[in-house]
Amino acid sequence: MNNIAISVKGLTKSFKEKKVLKGVDFEVQRGEIFALLGSNGAGKTTVVNILSTLLKPDGGQVSICDFNVQRQPEQVRQSISLTGQFAALDGMQTGRENLMMIAKLRGVANPAQVTNNLLEKFNLTSASNRRVDNYSGGMKRRLDIAMSLIGTPKVIFLDEPTTGLDPEARIEVWDTVKELSEAGTTILLTTQYLEEAEQLADRVSILHGGKIIKTGTLTELKKMFPPAKVEYIEKQPTLEEIFLAIIGKKEEK
């Protein structure tokens, strides 16, 4: 079996006269956490929307789990799940009701059992009969990701998954993402939070000016910098310093 879960070659997309993606290339291995980094407006969400069949590309070849995104969109949709920047929850319903609704819509066998398993997995059992309006930000995000797992997708897209969360809730989401990856799920994560990529990603791709300008592990990216200078303490470059250097910006003091 091909070990490539996501293959993107020469991906282009324009909106009116503006070219947003100018030939994007990257591959994601099965079971990998792959972070797509970029500033606001770099095109990260556009990439995710194309990969998840919500948007048609202008050019290039894109495949998910060996299915072509344009020619086999139905098979792609059966292989993936998308968690967007804002939680797609019904606040008037309980956590349990939200999960049951999605389980029934997706036609899974034994929706009640699937719901119970996910509530337990995401530590939401005690809050399962409370209205989602009353959940904390971290609980809402955990429920959102739990809903995205119904139907056991092979690939999950997390578009800015911790935007607007406090540090404690962010760590909750990070722990959830790590557990999913350890269970074999392929995760493509877009983020502006460089610490998030540093904590989670097996590999990082930097999207800038409509193209991928660098891809590698954190260790590989750090090798682009001179060896750490030993002054009073040894200081390795942070991912933030690497990112800013690659896109040609100096860190603001």
Protein backbone atom coordinates (compact mmCIF):
# COMPACT_ATOMS: atom_id res chain seq x y z
CA MET A 1 0.00 0.00 0.00
CA ASN A 2 1.17 3.49 -0.87
CA ASN A 3 2.47 5.20 2.28
CA ILE A 4 1.49 8.68 1.01
CA ALA A 5 -1.82 9.82 2.53
CA ILE A 6 -1.90 13.27 0.86
CA SER A 7 -0.18 14.23 -2.39
CA VAL A 8 -0.28 17.81 -3.69
CA LYS A 9 1.54 18.73 -6.91
CA GLY A 10 1.49 22.09 -8.68
CA LEU A 11 -1.70 23.27 -6.94
CA THR A 12 -2.95 26.65 -8.17
CA LYS A 13 -5.96 28.78 -7.24
CA SER A 14 -6.98 32.36 -8.03
CA PHE A 15 -9.85 34.48 -6.78
CA LYS A 16 -10.80 37.05 -9.42
CA GLU A 17 -7.46 38.60 -10.40
CA LYS A 18 -5.57 37.51 -7.29
CA LYS A 19 -3.39 34.37 -7.45
CA VAL A 20 -3.53 32.84 -3.98
CA LEU A 21 -1.79 29.52 -4.70
CA LYS A 22 0.97 29.57 -7.31
CA GLY A 23 2.08 25.94 -7.54
CA VAL A 24 1.94 24.33 -4.10
CA ASP A 25 3.74 20.97 -3.64
CA PHE A 26 3.88 18.71 -0.59
CA GLU A 27 3.26 15.14 0.55
CA VAL A 28 2.01 13.81 3.87
CA GLN A 29 2.84 10.29 5.07
CA ARG A 30 0.18 8.04 6.58
CA GLY A 31 -0.06 8.51 10.35
CA GLU A 32 1.93 11.76 10.27
CA ILE A 33 1.08 15.11 11.89
CA PHE A 34 1.94 17.62 9.18
CA ALA A 35 1.76 21.35 9.94
CA LEU A 36 1.10 23.91 7.24
CA LEU A 37 2.44 27.23 8.53
CA GLY A 38 1.77 30.63 7.08
CA SER A 39 0.82 34.18 7.92
CA ASN A 40 -2.79 35.36 7.78
CA GLY A 41 -3.92 35.32 4.14
CA ALA A 42 -1.13 32.96 3.01
CA GLY A 43 -3.69 30.52 1.58
CA LYS A 44 -3.71 27.81 4.27
CA THR A 45 -7.52 27.58 4.44
CA THR A 46 -7.73 27.62 0.63
CA VAL A 47 -5.44 24.56 0.53
CA VAL A 48 -7.57 22.75 3.14
CA ASN A 49 -10.81 23.62 1.33
CA ILE A 50 -9.42 22.18 -1.93
CA LEU A 51 -8.15 19.03 -0.20
CA SER A 52 -11.54 18.50 1.45
CA THR A 53 -13.44 18.95 -1.89
CA LEU A 54 -15.14 22.21 -0.79
CA LEU A 55 -13.30 24.23 -3.45
CA LYS A 56 -12.14 23.36 -6.95
CA PRO A 57 -8.50 24.00 -7.84
CA ASP A 58 -7.55 25.86 -11.02
CA GLY A 59 -4.67 23.48 -11.69
CA GLY A 60 -2.45 20.77 -10.26
CA GLN A 61 -2.88 17.21 -9.03
CA VAL A 62 -4.29 16.46 -5.57
CA SER A 63 -4.97 13.01 -4.13
CA ILE A 64 -6.07 11.78 -0.71
CA CYS A 65 -5.55 8.09 0.17
CA ASP A 66 -4.95 7.42 -3.56
CA PHE A 67 -8.25 9.06 -4.59
CA ASN A 68 -8.16 12.04 -6.96
CA VAL A 69 -9.88 15.05 -5.34
CA GLN A 70 -11.50 16.23 -8.59
CA ARG A 71 -12.32 12.91 -10.23
CA GLN A 72 -13.25 10.91 -7.10
CA PRO A 73 -14.64 13.48 -4.63
CA GLU A 74 -17.11 11.02 -3.06
CA GLN A 75 -14.36 8.53 -2.14
CA VAL A 76 -12.24 11.41 -0.81
CA ARG A 77 -15.10 12.59 1.42
CA GLN A 78 -15.46 9.08 2.83
CA SER A 79 -11.75 9.08 3.77
CA ILE A 80 -11.54 12.49 5.45
CA SER A 81 -12.93 14.75 8.12
CA LEU A 82 -12.59 18.52 8.47
CA THR A 83 -12.60 20.58 11.64
CA GLY A 84 -12.72 24.24 10.68
CA GLN A 85 -11.65 27.37 12.53
CA PHE A 86 -14.98 27.68 14.33
CA ALA A 87 -16.68 24.84 16.18
CA ALA A 88 -19.60 23.46 14.14
CA LEU A 89 -21.83 22.66 17.11
CA ASP A 90 -25.51 23.15 17.95
CA GLY A 91 -25.35 25.04 21.25
CA MET A 92 -29.02 24.33 22.03
CA GLN A 93 -28.35 20.58 22.09
CA THR A 94 -26.35 18.58 24.61
CA GLY A 95 -22.95 17.12 23.78
CA ARG A 96 -24.54 13.67 23.51
CA GLU A 97 -27.25 14.95 21.14
CA ASN A 98 -24.67 16.62 18.89
CA LEU A 99 -22.72 13.37 18.56
CA MET A 100 -25.85 11.25 18.04
CA MET A 101 -27.08 13.59 15.30
CA ILE A 102 -23.82 13.28 13.33
CA ALA A 103 -23.64 9.50 13.90
CA LYS A 104 -27.16 9.09 12.46
CA LEU A 105 -26.45 11.44 9.54
CA ARG A 106 -23.34 9.41 8.68
CA GLY A 107 -25.27 6.14 8.98
CA VAL A 108 -22.89 4.45 11.41
CA ALA A 109 -23.95 1.19 13.00
CA ASN A 110 -24.99 1.53 16.66
CA PRO A 111 -24.83 5.36 16.98
CA ALA A 112 -25.49 5.24 20.76
CA GLN A 113 -22.43 3.04 21.36
CA VAL A 114 -20.24 5.21 19.08
CA THR A 115 -21.44 8.29 20.98
CA ASN A 116 -20.67 6.75 24.39
CA ASN A 117 -17.20 5.68 23.25
CA LEU A 118 -16.35 9.17 21.96
CA LEU A 119 -17.69 10.91 25.08
CA GLU A 120 -15.44 8.68 27.18
CA LYS A 121 -12.42 9.06 24.88
CA PHE A 122 -12.64 12.88 25.01
CA ASN A 123 -13.43 13.08 28.76
CA LEU A 124 -16.89 14.53 28.12
CA THR A 125 -19.08 11.84 29.74
CA SER A 126 -19.84 13.90 32.87
CA ALA A 127 -20.86 16.89 30.71
CA SER A 128 -22.68 14.84 28.07
CA ASN A 129 -26.20 15.89 29.12
CA ARG A 130 -25.39 19.59 29.45
CA ARG A 131 -26.20 22.06 26.69
CA VAL A 132 -23.13 22.83 24.58
CA ASP A 133 -23.76 26.57 25.12
CA ASN A 134 -22.50 25.97 28.67
CA TYR A 135 -19.25 24.23 27.64
CA SER A 136 -15.85 25.90 27.97
CA GLY A 137 -13.87 26.69 24.81
CA GLY A 138 -11.66 23.63 25.26
CA MET A 139 -14.67 21.33 25.79
CA LYS A 140 -16.36 22.67 22.66
CA ARG A 141 -13.22 22.06 20.63
CA ARG A 142 -12.86 18.52 22.01
CA LEU A 143 -16.49 17.81 21.12
CA ASP A 144 -15.94 19.29 17.65
CA ILE A 145 -12.96 16.96 17.06
CA ALA A 146 -14.93 14.01 18.51
CA MET A 147 -17.69 14.68 15.95
CA SER A 148 -15.11 14.73 13.17
CA LEU A 149 -14.02 11.18 14.15
CA ILE A 150 -17.43 9.61 13.58
CA GLY A 151 -17.03 7.15 10.72
CA THR A 152 -13.29 6.66 11.52
CA PRO A 153 -11.74 8.89 8.83
CA LYS A 154 -8.21 8.05 7.72
CA VAL A 155 -7.26 11.74 7.32
CA ILE A 156 -8.31 14.70 9.49
CA PHE A 157 -7.85 18.34 8.51
CA LEU A 158 -7.59 20.71 11.47
CA ASP A 159 -7.80 24.30 10.24
CA GLU A 160 -6.51 26.65 12.98
CA PRO A 161 -7.85 24.25 15.67
CA THR A 162 -6.92 26.35 18.73
CA THR A 163 -7.75 29.87 17.50
CA GLY A 164 -9.27 31.83 20.37
CA LEU A 165 -8.60 29.21 23.04
CA ASP A 166 -6.87 29.96 26.32
CA PRO A 167 -3.52 28.20 27.02
CA GLU A 168 -5.08 25.43 29.13
CA ALA A 169 -7.70 24.61 26.48
CA ARG A 170 -5.01 24.70 23.80
CA ILE A 171 -2.99 22.04 25.66
CA GLU A 172 -6.16 19.89 25.93
CA VAL A 173 -6.55 20.02 22.15
CA TRP A 174 -2.82 19.29 21.62
CA ASP A 175 -3.10 16.16 23.78
CA THR A 176 -6.12 15.02 21.74
CA VAL A 177 -4.28 15.53 18.43
CA LYS A 178 -1.25 13.55 19.68
CA GLU A 179 -3.51 10.66 20.74
CA LEU A 180 -5.20 10.57 17.32
CA SER A 181 -1.84 10.44 15.58
CA GLU A 182 -0.59 7.66 17.86
CA ALA A 183 -3.70 5.66 16.89
CA GLY A 184 -2.67 5.95 13.21
CA THR A 185 -4.77 8.88 11.95
CA THR A 186 -3.10 11.20 9.44
CA ILE A 187 -3.46 14.84 10.49
CA LEU A 188 -2.90 17.96 8.42
CA LEU A 189 -2.86 20.97 10.72
CA THR A 190 -2.88 24.61 9.68
CA THR A 191 -1.79 27.13 12.27
CA GLN A 192 -0.34 30.56 12.84
CA TYR A 193 0.81 29.48 16.30
CA LEU A 194 4.40 28.42 15.78
CA GLU A 195 4.59 26.89 19.26
CA GLU A 196 1.68 24.65 18.24
CA ALA A 197 3.59 23.30 15.23
CA GLU A 198 6.68 22.87 17.40
CA GLN A 199 4.69 20.82 19.95
CA LEU A 200 2.76 18.65 17.50
CA ALA A 201 4.22 18.33 14.02
CA ASP A 202 6.39 15.52 12.68
CA ARG A 203 7.13 17.80 9.72
CA VAL A 204 6.47 21.44 8.90
CA SER A 205 5.78 23.16 5.58
CA ILE A 206 5.97 26.95 5.25
CA LEU A 207 3.49 28.52 2.80
CA HIS A 208 4.48 32.01 1.70
CA GLY A 209 3.81 34.03 -1.43
CA GLY A 210 1.54 31.30 -2.82
CA LYS A 211 4.18 28.56 -2.68
CA ILE A 212 5.75 26.14 -0.23
CA ILE A 213 9.16 27.64 0.41
CA LYS A 214 10.49 25.08 2.89
CA THR A 215 9.48 21.65 4.24
CA GLY A 216 11.23 19.56 6.85
CA THR A 217 11.36 18.32 10.42
CA LEU A 218 12.13 20.86 13.11
CA THR A 219 15.63 19.36 13.35
CA GLU A 220 16.17 19.79 9.60
CA LEU A 221 14.98 23.40 9.70
CA LYS A 222 17.25 24.17 12.64
CA LYS A 223 20.24 22.97 10.60
CA MET A 224 19.72 25.99 8.32
CA PHE A 225 20.93 28.13 11.18
CA PRO A 226 24.53 28.38 12.41
CA PRO A 227 25.37 26.19 15.42
CA ALA A 228 24.14 27.60 18.69
CA LYS A 229 26.54 30.09 20.23
CA VAL A 230 27.62 29.36 23.75
CA GLU A 231 27.51 32.59 25.68
CA TYR A 232 25.99 32.46 29.14
CA ILE A 233 23.55 29.77 27.95
CA GLU A 234 23.22 27.78 24.75
CA LYS A 235 20.30 29.13 22.74
CA GLN A 236 18.76 27.04 19.94
CA PRO A 237 16.65 28.95 17.39
CA THR A 238 12.92 28.70 18.02
CA LEU A 239 10.52 27.72 15.24
CA GLU A 240 9.31 31.33 15.30
CA GLU A 241 12.84 32.60 14.51
CA ILE A 242 13.20 29.98 11.76
CA PHE A 243 9.82 30.90 10.23
CA LEU A 244 10.55 34.63 10.21
CA ALA A 245 14.02 34.08 8.75
CA ILE A 246 12.68 31.83 5.98
CA ILE A 247 9.99 34.29 4.89
CA GLY A 248 12.51 37.11 5.11
CA LYS A 249 11.23 39.06 8.10
CA LYS A 250 13.18 40.07 11.14
CA GLU A 251 11.69 39.32 14.51
CA GLU A 252 10.24 42.44 16.11
CA LYS A 253 11.91 43.35 19.32
